[in-house]
């Protein structure tokens, strides 16, 4: 503002930040689900290991998307 340059619009930044927060919240929700639902069911349910592997893979995919969003915010 001091140099008279146009101020950047914060719309895209705000949208990417909101997306990053939502992805991180999804990761936390999956971690809670894994810890309190699937981990105790490993001893009794035969499908629990497969479901746990699927949710962990989803959590890793969300983590990669969070890293991409952070990289975009850093630009």
PDB file of N, CA and C in Angstrom:
ATOM      1  N   UNK A   1       0.827  -1.187   0.000  1.00  0.00           N
ATOM      2  CA  UNK A   1       0.000   0.000   0.000  1.00  0.00           C
ATOM      3  C   UNK A   1       0.874   1.254   0.000  1.00  0.00           C
ATOM      4  N   UNK A   2       2.023   1.187   0.647  1.00  0.00           N
ATOM      5  CA  UNK A   2       2.900   2.350   0.705  1.00  0.00           C
ATOM      6  C   UNK A   2       3.441   2.677  -0.685  1.00  0.00           C
ATOM      7  N   UNK A   3       3.773   1.649  -1.458  1.00  0.00           N
ATOM      8  CA  UNK A   3       4.335   1.856  -2.777  1.00  0.00           C
ATOM      9  C   UNK A   3       3.274   2.136  -3.839  1.00  0.00           C
ATOM     10  N   UNK A   4       2.029   2.045  -3.482  1.00  0.00           N
ATOM     11  CA  UNK A   4       0.970   2.292  -4.437  1.00  0.00           C
ATOM     12  C   UNK A   4       0.650   1.099  -5.316  1.00  0.00           C
ATOM     13  N   UNK A   5       1.163  -0.087  -4.955  1.00  0.00           N
ATOM     14  CA  UNK A   5       0.859  -1.286  -5.724  1.00  0.00           C
ATOM     15  C   UNK A   5      -0.545  -1.763  -5.372  1.00  0.00           C
ATOM     16  N   UNK A   6      -1.207  -2.402  -6.308  1.00  0.00           N
ATOM     17  CA  UNK A   6      -2.544  -2.913  -5.986  1.00  0.00           C
ATOM     18  C   UNK A   6      -2.462  -4.026  -4.944  1.00  0.00           C
ATOM     19  N   UNK A   7      -3.381  -4.036  -4.049  1.00  0.00           N
ATOM     20  CA  UNK A   7      -3.390  -5.068  -3.006  1.00  0.00           C
ATOM     21  C   UNK A   7      -3.917  -6.367  -3.604  1.00  0.00           C
ATOM     22  N   UNK A   8      -3.303  -7.467  -3.255  1.00  0.00           N
ATOM     23  CA  UNK A   8      -3.770  -8.743  -3.800  1.00  0.00           C
ATOM     24  C   UNK A   8      -5.117  -9.124  -3.193  1.00  0.00           C
ATOM     25  N   UNK A   9      -5.884  -9.819  -3.995  1.00  0.00           N
ATOM     26  CA  UNK A   9      -7.166 -10.300  -3.486  1.00  0.00           C
ATOM     27  C   UNK A   9      -6.926 -11.494  -2.583  1.00  0.00           C
ATOM     28  N   UNK A  10      -7.602 -11.537  -1.484  1.00  0.00           N
ATOM     29  CA  UNK A  10      -7.416 -12.621  -0.529  1.00  0.00           C
ATOM     30  C   UNK A  10      -8.402 -13.755  -0.747  1.00  0.00           C
ATOM     31  N   UNK A  11      -9.234 -13.668  -1.762  1.00  0.00           N
ATOM     32  CA  UNK A  11     -10.245 -14.693  -1.988  1.00  0.00           C
ATOM     33  C   UNK A  11      -9.655 -16.073  -2.207  1.00  0.00           C
ATOM     34  N   UNK A  12      -8.674 -16.187  -3.084  1.00  0.00           N
ATOM     35  CA  UNK A  12      -8.076 -17.483  -3.366  1.00  0.00           C
ATOM     36  C   UNK A  12      -7.319 -17.993  -2.139  1.00  0.00           C
ATOM     37  N   UNK A  13      -6.576 -17.107  -1.500  1.00  0.00           N
ATOM     38  CA  UNK A  13      -5.830 -17.492  -0.299  1.00  0.00           C
ATOM     39  C   UNK A  13      -6.793 -18.006   0.772  1.00  0.00           C
ATOM     40  N   UNK A  14      -7.868 -17.284   0.980  1.00  0.00           N
ATOM     41  CA  UNK A  14      -8.849 -17.664   1.997  1.00  0.00           C
ATOM     42  C   UNK A  14      -9.488 -19.010   1.640  1.00  0.00           C
ATOM     43  N   UNK A  15      -9.772 -19.228   0.359  1.00  0.00           N
ATOM     44  CA  UNK A  15     -10.384 -20.482  -0.065  1.00  0.00           C
ATOM     45  C   UNK A  15      -9.431 -21.662   0.135  1.00  0.00           C
ATOM     46  N   UNK A  16      -8.165 -21.479  -0.224  1.00  0.00           N
ATOM     47  CA  UNK A  16      -7.191 -22.559  -0.044  1.00  0.00           C
ATOM     48  C   UNK A  16      -6.960 -22.825   1.437  1.00  0.00           C
ATOM     49  N   UNK A  17      -6.924 -21.787   2.240  1.00  0.00           N
ATOM     50  CA  UNK A  17      -6.762 -21.959   3.680  1.00  0.00           C
ATOM     51  C   UNK A  17      -7.952 -22.705   4.278  1.00  0.00           C
ATOM     52  N   UNK A  18      -9.151 -22.368   3.852  1.00  0.00           N
ATOM     53  CA  UNK A  18     -10.346 -23.067   4.338  1.00  0.00           C
ATOM     54  C   UNK A  18     -10.315 -24.537   3.913  1.00  0.00           C
ATOM     55  N   UNK A  19      -9.864 -24.794   2.682  1.00  0.00           N
ATOM     56  CA  UNK A  19      -9.754 -26.162   2.213  1.00  0.00           C
ATOM     57  C   UNK A  19      -8.722 -26.937   3.039  1.00  0.00           C
ATOM     58  N   UNK A  20      -7.604 -26.291   3.351  1.00  0.00           N
ATOM     59  CA  UNK A  20      -6.568 -26.942   4.149  1.00  0.00           C
ATOM     60  C   UNK A  20      -7.087 -27.278   5.544  1.00  0.00           C
ATOM     61  N   UNK A  21      -7.821 -26.368   6.137  1.00  0.00           N
ATOM     62  CA  UNK A  21      -8.383 -26.609   7.464  1.00  0.00           C
ATOM     63  C   UNK A  21      -9.394 -27.745   7.423  1.00  0.00           C
ATOM     64  N   UNK A  22     -10.222 -27.784   6.378  1.00  0.00           N
ATOM     65  CA  UNK A  22     -11.207 -28.859   6.247  1.00  0.00           C
ATOM     66  C   UNK A  22     -10.524 -30.211   6.047  1.00  0.00           C
ATOM     67  N   UNK A  23      -9.470 -30.240   5.238  1.00  0.00           N
ATOM     68  CA  UNK A  23      -8.729 -31.488   5.034  1.00  0.00           C
ATOM     69  C   UNK A  23      -8.074 -31.956   6.326  1.00  0.00           C
ATOM     70  N   UNK A  24      -7.501 -31.034   7.078  1.00  0.00           N
ATOM     71  CA  UNK A  24      -6.877 -31.389   8.359  1.00  0.00           C
ATOM     72  C   UNK A  24      -7.934 -31.895   9.345  1.00  0.00           C
ATOM     73  N   UNK A  25      -9.109 -31.279   9.336  1.00  0.00           N
ATOM     74  CA  UNK A  25     -10.191 -31.747  10.209  1.00  0.00           C
ATOM     75  C   UNK A  25     -10.627 -33.158   9.813  1.00  0.00           C
ATOM     76  N   UNK A  26     -10.653 -33.428   8.515  1.00  0.00           N
ATOM     77  CA  UNK A  26     -10.971 -34.777   8.053  1.00  0.00           C
ATOM     78  C   UNK A  26      -9.936 -35.793   8.508  1.00  0.00           C
ATOM     79  N   UNK A  27      -8.669 -35.395   8.469  1.00  0.00           N
ATOM     80  CA  UNK A  27      -7.608 -36.281   8.958  1.00  0.00           C
ATOM     81  C   UNK A  27      -7.792 -36.581  10.443  1.00  0.00           C
ATOM     82  N   UNK A  28      -8.112 -35.569  11.206  1.00  0.00           N
ATOM     83  CA  UNK A  28      -8.310 -35.752  12.645  1.00  0.00           C
ATOM     84  C   UNK A  28      -9.515 -36.652  12.910  1.00  0.00           C
ATOM     85  N   UNK A  29     -10.597 -36.445  12.141  1.00  0.00           N
ATOM     86  CA  UNK A  29     -11.789 -37.277  12.310  1.00  0.00           C
ATOM     87  C   UNK A  29     -11.488 -38.744  11.985  1.00  0.00           C
ATOM     88  N   UNK A  30     -10.735 -38.975  10.920  1.00  0.00           N
ATOM     89  CA  UNK A  30     -10.365 -40.347  10.587  1.00  0.00           C
ATOM     90  C   UNK A  30      -9.460 -40.960  11.649  1.00  0.00           C
ATOM     91  N   UNK A  31      -8.547 -40.188  12.186  1.00  0.00           N
ATOM     92  CA  UNK A  31      -7.665 -40.703  13.239  1.00  0.00           C
ATOM     93  C   UNK A  31      -8.463 -41.080  14.481  1.00  0.00           C
ATOM     94  N   UNK A  32      -9.433 -40.265  14.830  1.00  0.00           N
ATOM     95  CA  UNK A  32     -10.286 -40.579  15.987  1.00  0.00           C
ATOM     96  C   UNK A  32     -11.104 -41.836  15.720  1.00  0.00           C
ATOM     97  N   UNK A  33     -11.665 -41.933  14.511  1.00  0.00           N
ATOM     98  CA  UNK A  33     -12.437 -43.117  14.147  1.00  0.00           C
ATOM     99  C   UNK A  33     -11.563 -44.367  14.206  1.00  0.00           C
ATOM    100  N   UNK A  34     -10.348 -44.268  13.683  1.00  0.00           N
ATOM    101  CA  UNK A  34      -9.437 -45.414  13.705  1.00  0.00           C
ATOM    102  C   UNK A  34      -9.111 -45.828  15.133  1.00  0.00           C
ATOM    103  N   UNK A  35      -8.847 -44.852  15.965  1.00  0.00           N
ATOM    104  CA  UNK A  35      -8.426 -45.153  17.340  1.00  0.00           C
ATOM    105  C   UNK A  35      -9.551 -45.720  18.186  1.00  0.00           C
ATOM    106  N   UNK A  36     -10.737 -45.153  18.094  1.00  0.00           N
ATOM    107  CA  UNK A  36     -11.802 -45.519  19.016  1.00  0.00           C
ATOM    108  C   UNK A  36     -12.800 -46.528  18.445  1.00  0.00           C
ATOM    109  N   UNK A  37     -12.835 -46.741  17.133  1.00  0.00           N
ATOM    110  CA  UNK A  37     -13.764 -47.714  16.551  1.00  0.00           C
ATOM    111  C   UNK A  37     -13.052 -48.910  15.938  1.00  0.00           C
ATOM    112  N   UNK A  38     -12.105 -48.647  15.054  1.00  0.00           N
ATOM    113  CA  UNK A  38     -11.507 -49.762  14.326  1.00  0.00           C
ATOM    114  C   UNK A  38     -10.446 -50.503  15.116  1.00  0.00           C
ATOM    115  N   UNK A  39      -9.637 -49.809  15.870  1.00  0.00           N
ATOM    116  CA  UNK A  39      -8.586 -50.488  16.638  1.00  0.00           C
ATOM    117  C   UNK A  39      -9.160 -51.486  17.650  1.00  0.00           C
ATOM    118  N   UNK A  40     -10.187 -51.122  18.421  1.00  0.00           N
ATOM    119  CA  UNK A  40     -10.752 -52.123  19.329  1.00  0.00           C
ATOM    120  C   UNK A  40     -11.432 -53.290  18.599  1.00  0.00           C
ATOM    121  N   UNK A  41     -11.903 -53.058  17.382  1.00  0.00           N
ATOM    122  CA  UNK A  41     -12.609 -54.105  16.644  1.00  0.00           C
ATOM    123  C   UNK A  41     -11.667 -55.081  15.958  1.00  0.00           C
ATOM    124  N   UNK A  42     -10.376 -54.820  15.980  1.00  0.00           N
ATOM    125  CA  UNK A  42      -9.430 -55.704  15.299  1.00  0.00           C
ATOM    126  C   UNK A  42      -9.466 -57.139  15.833  1.00  0.00           C
ATOM    127  N   UNK A  43      -9.724 -57.291  17.113  1.00  0.00           N
ATOM    128  CA  UNK A  43      -9.724 -58.626  17.709  1.00  0.00           C
ATOM    129  C   UNK A  43     -10.994 -59.416  17.375  1.00  0.00           C
ATOM    130  N   UNK A  44     -12.120 -58.719  17.170  1.00  0.00           N
ATOM    131  CA  UNK A  44     -13.383 -59.428  16.975  1.00  0.00           C
ATOM    132  C   UNK A  44     -13.848 -59.484  15.517  1.00  0.00           C
ATOM    133  N   UNK A  45     -13.581 -58.475  14.741  1.00  0.00           N
ATOM    134  CA  UNK A  45     -14.139 -58.359  13.395  1.00  0.00           C
ATOM    135  C   UNK A  45     -13.077 -58.738  12.356  1.00  0.00           C
ATOM    136  N   UNK A  46     -13.453 -59.632  11.444  1.00  0.00           N
ATOM    137  CA  UNK A  46     -12.507 -60.083  10.423  1.00  0.00           C
ATOM    138  C   UNK A  46     -12.281 -59.029   9.345  1.00  0.00           C
ATOM    139  N   UNK A  47     -13.246 -58.119   9.146  1.00  0.00           N
ATOM    140  CA  UNK A  47     -13.097 -57.085   8.116  1.00  0.00           C
ATOM    141  C   UNK A  47     -12.424 -55.823   8.650  1.00  0.00           C
ATOM    142  N   UNK A  48     -12.183 -55.753   9.936  1.00  0.00           N
ATOM    143  CA  UNK A  48     -11.596 -54.550  10.536  1.00  0.00           C
ATOM    144  C   UNK A  48     -10.200 -54.225   9.990  1.00  0.00           C
ATOM    145  N   UNK A  49      -9.317 -55.202   9.776  1.00  0.00           N
ATOM    146  CA  UNK A  49      -8.004 -54.839   9.222  1.00  0.00           C
ATOM    147  C   UNK A  49      -8.102 -54.197   7.832  1.00  0.00           C
ATOM    148  N   UNK A  50      -9.011 -54.706   7.007  1.00  0.00           N
ATOM    149  CA  UNK A  50      -9.187 -54.120   5.676  1.00  0.00           C
ATOM    150  C   UNK A  50      -9.737 -52.698   5.776  1.00  0.00           C
ATOM    151  N   UNK A  51     -10.728 -52.510   6.638  1.00  0.00           N
ATOM    152  CA  UNK A  51     -11.294 -51.163   6.823  1.00  0.00           C
ATOM    153  C   UNK A  51     -10.263 -50.214   7.416  1.00  0.00           C
ATOM    154  N   UNK A  52      -9.446 -50.709   8.329  1.00  0.00           N
ATOM    155  CA  UNK A  52      -8.395 -49.874   8.913  1.00  0.00           C
ATOM    156  C   UNK A  52      -7.377 -49.470   7.846  1.00  0.00           C
ATOM    157  N   UNK A  53      -6.993 -50.407   7.002  1.00  0.00           N
ATOM    158  CA  UNK A  53      -6.049 -50.094   5.929  1.00  0.00           C
ATOM    159  C   UNK A  53      -6.645 -49.063   4.969  1.00  0.00           C
ATOM    160  N   UNK A  54      -7.922 -49.181   4.679  1.00  0.00           N
ATOM    161  CA  UNK A  54      -8.589 -48.235   3.786  1.00  0.00           C
ATOM    162  C   UNK A  54      -8.650 -46.832   4.396  1.00  0.00           C
ATOM    163  N   UNK A  55      -8.986 -46.737   5.673  1.00  0.00           N
ATOM    164  CA  UNK A  55      -9.052 -45.416   6.305  1.00  0.00           C
ATOM    165  C   UNK A  55      -7.667 -44.801   6.487  1.00  0.00           C
ATOM    166  N   UNK A  56      -6.659 -45.629   6.737  1.00  0.00           N
ATOM    167  CA  UNK A  56      -5.296 -45.104   6.850  1.00  0.00           C
ATOM    168  C   UNK A  56      -4.821 -44.589   5.489  1.00  0.00           C
ATOM    169  N   UNK A  57      -5.147 -45.313   4.415  1.00  0.00           N
ATOM    170  CA  UNK A  57      -4.792 -44.843   3.072  1.00  0.00           C
ATOM    171  C   UNK A  57      -5.504 -43.530   2.752  1.00  0.00           C
ATOM    172  N   UNK A  58      -6.744 -43.408   3.164  1.00  0.00           N
ATOM    173  CA  UNK A  58      -7.485 -42.159   2.966  1.00  0.00           C
ATOM    174  C   UNK A  58      -6.857 -41.033   3.763  1.00  0.00           C
ATOM    175  N   UNK A  59      -6.440 -41.333   4.968  1.00  0.00           N
ATOM    176  CA  UNK A  59      -5.785 -40.328   5.803  1.00  0.00           C
ATOM    177  C   UNK A  59      -4.462 -39.861   5.188  1.00  0.00           C
ATOM    178  N   UNK A  60      -3.722 -40.783   4.597  1.00  0.00           N
ATOM    179  CA  UNK A  60      -2.473 -40.415   3.929  1.00  0.00           C
ATOM    180  C   UNK A  60      -2.754 -39.546   2.714  1.00  0.00           C
ATOM    181  N   UNK A  61      -3.805 -39.881   1.964  1.00  0.00           N
ATOM    182  CA  UNK A  61      -4.176 -39.062   0.804  1.00  0.00           C
ATOM    183  C   UNK A  61      -4.569 -37.650   1.236  1.00  0.00           C
ATOM    184  N   UNK A  62      -5.296 -37.539   2.332  1.00  0.00           N
ATOM    185  CA  UNK A  62      -5.646 -36.218   2.865  1.00  0.00           C
ATOM    186  C   UNK A  62      -4.399 -35.456   3.296  1.00  0.00           C
ATOM    187  N   UNK A  63      -3.441 -36.153   3.881  1.00  0.00           N
ATOM    188  CA  UNK A  63      -2.195 -35.504   4.305  1.00  0.00           C
ATOM    189  C   UNK A  63      -1.433 -34.964   3.102  1.00  0.00           C
ATOM    190  N   UNK A  64      -1.418 -35.718   2.008  1.00  0.00           N
ATOM    191  CA  UNK A  64      -0.753 -35.241   0.800  1.00  0.00           C
ATOM    192  C   UNK A  64      -1.445 -33.994   0.265  1.00  0.00           C
ATOM    193  N   UNK A  65      -2.780 -33.992   0.297  1.00  0.00           N
ATOM    194  CA  UNK A  65      -3.521 -32.811  -0.163  1.00  0.00           C
ATOM    195  C   UNK A  65      -3.261 -31.597   0.730  1.00  0.00           C
ATOM    196  N   UNK A  66      -3.109 -31.832   2.041  1.00  0.00           N
ATOM    197  CA  UNK A  66      -2.786 -30.738   2.962  1.00  0.00           C
ATOM    198  C   UNK A  66      -1.411 -30.173   2.617  1.00  0.00           C
ATOM    199  N   UNK A  67      -0.451 -31.024   2.340  1.00  0.00           N
ATOM    200  CA  UNK A  67       0.893 -30.568   1.988  1.00  0.00           C
ATOM    201  C   UNK A  67       0.867 -29.763   0.689  1.00  0.00           C
ATOM    202  N   UNK A  68       0.072 -30.214  -0.275  1.00  0.00           N
ATOM    203  CA  UNK A  68      -0.067 -29.462  -1.529  1.00  0.00           C
ATOM    204  C   UNK A  68      -0.671 -28.091  -1.264  1.00  0.00           C
ATOM    205  N   UNK A  69      -1.704 -28.046  -0.406  1.00  0.00           N
ATOM    206  CA  UNK A  69      -2.337 -26.763  -0.079  1.00  0.00           C
ATOM    207  C   UNK A  69      -1.351 -25.831   0.630  1.00  0.00           C
ATOM    208  N   UNK A  70      -0.555 -26.385   1.530  1.00  0.00           N
ATOM    209  CA  UNK A  70       0.450 -25.567   2.231  1.00  0.00           C
ATOM    210  C   UNK A  70       1.486 -25.031   1.240  1.00  0.00           C
ATOM    211  N   UNK A  71       1.881 -25.867   0.296  1.00  0.00           N
ATOM    212  CA  UNK A  71       2.817 -25.413  -0.714  1.00  0.00           C
ATOM    213  C   UNK A  71       2.234 -24.307  -1.565  1.00  0.00           C
ATOM    214  N   UNK A  72       0.957 -24.418  -1.899  1.00  0.00           N
ATOM    215  CA  UNK A  72       0.303 -23.366  -2.678  1.00  0.00           C
ATOM    216  C   UNK A  72       0.190 -22.084  -1.867  1.00  0.00           C
ATOM    217  N   UNK A  73      -0.077 -22.214  -0.575  1.00  0.00           N
ATOM    218  CA  UNK A  73      -0.175 -21.014   0.273  1.00  0.00           C
ATOM    219  C   UNK A  73       1.179 -20.327   0.423  1.00  0.00           C
ATOM    220  N   UNK A  74       2.252 -21.111   0.335  1.00  0.00           N
ATOM    221  CA  UNK A  74       3.581 -20.552   0.464  1.00  0.00           C
ATOM    222  C   UNK A  74       4.028 -19.741  -0.751  1.00  0.00           C
ATOM    223  N   UNK A  75       3.342 -19.957  -1.864  1.00  0.00           N
ATOM    224  CA  UNK A  75       3.687 -19.215  -3.059  1.00  0.00           C
ATOM    225  C   UNK A  75       3.130 -17.832  -2.923  1.00  0.00           C
TER     226      UNK A  75
END
